[in-house]
Amino acid sequence: MPPTLEVECTAEDCDIDMFELHYTYDMPDDVGVADFSCPYCGGTDCLEEIEV
């Protein structure tokens, strides 16, 4: 099963609390939270990976 990445947005003015990124096996191994932006507020430095 391809990996998923659970992410939270910590921006105070953003109303999204968490979201999951589902991607294919073709995604490079070094892709991480820093490569994405929040789908709600557009922020990048406010994203943190949720460790489960």
Protein backbone atom coordinates (compact mmCIF):
# COMPACT_ATOMS: atom_id res chain seq x y z
CA MET A 1 0.00 0.00 0.00
CA PRO A 2 1.41 3.44 -0.89
CA PRO A 3 2.32 5.63 2.06
CA THR A 4 0.11 8.35 3.49
CA LEU A 5 1.22 11.50 5.25
CA GLU A 6 -0.97 12.99 8.00
CA VAL A 7 -0.45 16.73 8.31
CA GLU A 8 -1.73 19.46 10.60
CA CYS A 9 -1.78 23.18 9.93
CA THR A 10 -0.68 25.24 12.92
CA ALA A 11 -1.51 28.69 11.49
CA GLU A 12 -3.68 30.60 13.96
CA ASP A 13 -5.95 32.04 11.27
CA CYS A 14 -6.48 28.69 9.48
CA ASP A 15 -9.65 26.66 10.13
CA ILE A 16 -8.31 23.28 8.92
CA ASP A 17 -7.00 21.05 11.69
CA MET A 18 -5.56 18.09 9.76
CA PHE A 19 -5.53 16.39 6.39
CA GLU A 20 -4.02 13.29 4.80
CA LEU A 21 -1.92 13.10 1.68
CA HIS A 22 -2.26 9.85 -0.24
CA TYR A 23 0.21 9.31 -3.05
CA THR A 24 1.47 6.60 -5.37
CA TYR A 25 4.59 4.48 -5.28
CA ASP A 26 6.09 6.83 -7.87
CA MET A 27 6.58 9.60 -5.29
CA PRO A 28 10.29 10.01 -4.41
CA ASP A 29 11.30 8.72 -0.97
CA ASP A 30 12.56 12.12 0.18
CA VAL A 31 9.20 13.91 -0.23
CA GLY A 32 7.97 15.37 3.04
CA VAL A 33 5.75 18.02 4.59
CA ALA A 34 7.99 20.85 3.33
CA ASP A 35 7.05 19.96 -0.25
CA PHE A 36 3.35 20.78 0.25
CA SER A 37 1.15 23.72 1.21
CA CYS A 38 -2.05 23.89 3.24
CA PRO A 39 -5.07 23.40 0.97
CA TYR A 40 -7.05 25.94 3.02
CA CYS A 41 -4.75 28.86 3.84
CA GLY A 42 -1.92 28.16 1.38
CA GLY A 43 0.75 28.31 4.10
CA THR A 44 3.88 26.18 3.92
CA ASP A 45 5.87 26.92 7.07
CA CYS A 46 2.84 26.16 9.28
CA LEU A 47 2.56 22.48 8.31
CA GLU A 48 3.71 19.72 10.64
CA GLU A 49 3.63 15.96 10.19
CA ILE A 50 1.42 14.09 12.66
CA GLU A 51 3.34 11.16 14.10
CA VAL A 52 1.11 8.14 14.75
